[in-house]
Amino acid sequence: MTIQDFKHSLVEDKPPMDLKIQLQALWWDAKGNWQKAHDLIDHLEDPVSAHIHAYLHRVEGDMWNARYWYNRARQSVFEGNLEEEWSYLLAKYI
């Protein structure tokens, strides 16, 4: 799947079936369903999930929790805006 394919899929009601769970979380976040996005990765502990989890807590406005998850992901806190970070994460993990 390409970034363009991913973005085109956002007109659908459900994410493509072959998306990794971390990308499903980004998909639901883009659709405005933060809770669904968070629920998908809340219980996962791998570095990619932790990175997405950090972003989601940044979206929520909980920077303390976001920093915790950036640390778990071994990533720096993202310096750009949320839209830039979403695009960065999509490009990094697609």
Protein backbone atom coordinates (compact mmCIF):
# COMPACT_ATOMS: atom_id res chain seq x y z
CA MET A 1 0.00 0.00 0.00
CA THR A 2 1.23 3.49 -0.82
CA ILE A 3 0.67 6.66 1.14
CA GLN A 4 -1.72 7.79 -1.57
CA ASP A 5 -3.68 4.51 -1.34
CA PHE A 6 -3.89 4.95 2.43
CA LYS A 7 -5.20 8.49 2.13
CA HIS A 8 -7.72 7.46 -0.54
CA SER A 9 -9.02 4.74 1.81
CA LEU A 10 -10.11 7.42 4.30
CA VAL A 11 -13.37 7.87 2.40
CA GLU A 12 -14.38 4.34 3.43
CA ASP A 13 -16.18 3.38 6.66
CA LYS A 14 -13.52 0.87 7.72
CA PRO A 15 -9.77 0.64 7.17
CA PRO A 16 -8.40 -1.76 4.56
CA MET A 17 -8.25 -5.28 5.98
CA ASP A 18 -4.55 -5.74 5.25
CA LEU A 19 -3.36 -2.77 7.34
CA LYS A 20 -1.07 -3.42 10.27
CA ILE A 21 -2.70 -2.51 13.56
CA GLN A 22 -0.46 0.54 14.01
CA LEU A 23 -1.60 1.90 10.63
CA GLN A 24 -5.18 1.11 11.55
CA ALA A 25 -4.70 3.38 14.56
CA LEU A 26 -3.47 6.20 12.32
CA TRP A 27 -6.41 5.54 9.99
CA TRP A 28 -8.98 5.84 12.81
CA ASP A 29 -7.24 8.95 14.13
CA ALA A 30 -7.50 10.54 10.68
CA LYS A 31 -11.22 9.70 10.70
CA GLY A 32 -11.60 11.57 13.99
CA ASN A 33 -12.02 8.51 16.19
CA TRP A 34 -9.23 8.97 18.73
CA GLN A 35 -10.70 6.42 21.14
CA LYS A 36 -10.79 3.63 18.54
CA ALA A 37 -7.22 4.50 17.50
CA HIS A 38 -6.04 4.42 21.11
CA ASP A 39 -7.89 1.20 21.93
CA LEU A 40 -6.11 -0.59 19.09
CA ILE A 41 -2.63 0.04 20.44
CA ASP A 42 -3.12 0.76 24.14
CA HIS A 43 -2.12 -2.78 25.11
CA LEU A 44 0.82 -3.17 22.68
CA GLU A 45 4.41 -2.67 23.79
CA ASP A 46 6.50 -2.86 20.62
CA PRO A 47 8.42 0.31 19.60
CA VAL A 48 6.21 1.12 16.60
CA SER A 49 3.04 0.90 18.69
CA ALA A 50 4.67 2.99 21.41
CA HIS A 51 5.53 5.63 18.82
CA ILE A 52 1.93 5.80 17.55
CA HIS A 53 0.72 5.75 21.16
CA ALA A 54 2.92 8.77 21.93
CA TYR A 55 1.45 10.67 19.01
CA LEU A 56 -2.09 9.84 20.12
CA HIS A 57 -1.44 11.20 23.61
CA ARG A 58 -0.01 14.31 22.02
CA VAL A 59 -3.27 14.64 20.04
CA GLU A 60 -5.13 14.26 23.32
CA GLY A 61 -3.04 17.05 24.83
CA ASP A 62 -1.49 14.82 27.50
CA MET A 63 2.19 15.68 27.00
CA TRP A 64 3.32 13.89 30.16
CA ASN A 65 1.90 10.62 28.85
CA ALA A 66 3.12 11.37 25.30
CA ARG A 67 6.69 11.85 26.57
CA TYR A 68 6.46 8.54 28.43
CA TRP A 69 5.51 6.75 25.19
CA TYR A 70 8.11 8.57 23.07
CA ASN A 71 10.65 7.32 25.59
CA ARG A 72 9.28 3.76 25.35
CA ALA A 73 9.53 4.03 21.55
CA ARG A 74 13.08 5.39 21.82
CA GLN A 75 11.99 8.43 19.79
CA SER A 76 12.36 12.16 20.35
CA VAL A 77 9.26 14.22 20.99
CA PHE A 78 8.11 15.43 17.59
CA GLU A 79 8.77 19.15 17.08
CA GLY A 80 6.22 19.90 14.32
CA ASN A 81 2.46 20.18 14.44
CA LEU A 82 0.11 17.20 14.74
CA GLU A 83 -0.64 17.05 11.01
CA GLU A 84 3.08 16.93 10.23
CA GLU A 85 3.62 14.19 12.80
CA TRP A 86 0.73 12.12 11.41
CA SER A 87 2.24 12.39 7.92
CA TYR A 88 5.69 11.55 9.29
CA LEU A 89 4.40 8.45 11.07
CA LEU A 90 2.45 7.30 8.04
CA ALA A 91 5.51 7.63 5.78
CA LYS A 92 7.76 5.95 8.35
CA TYR A 93 5.57 2.92 9.00
CA ILE A 94 3.64 2.29 5.77
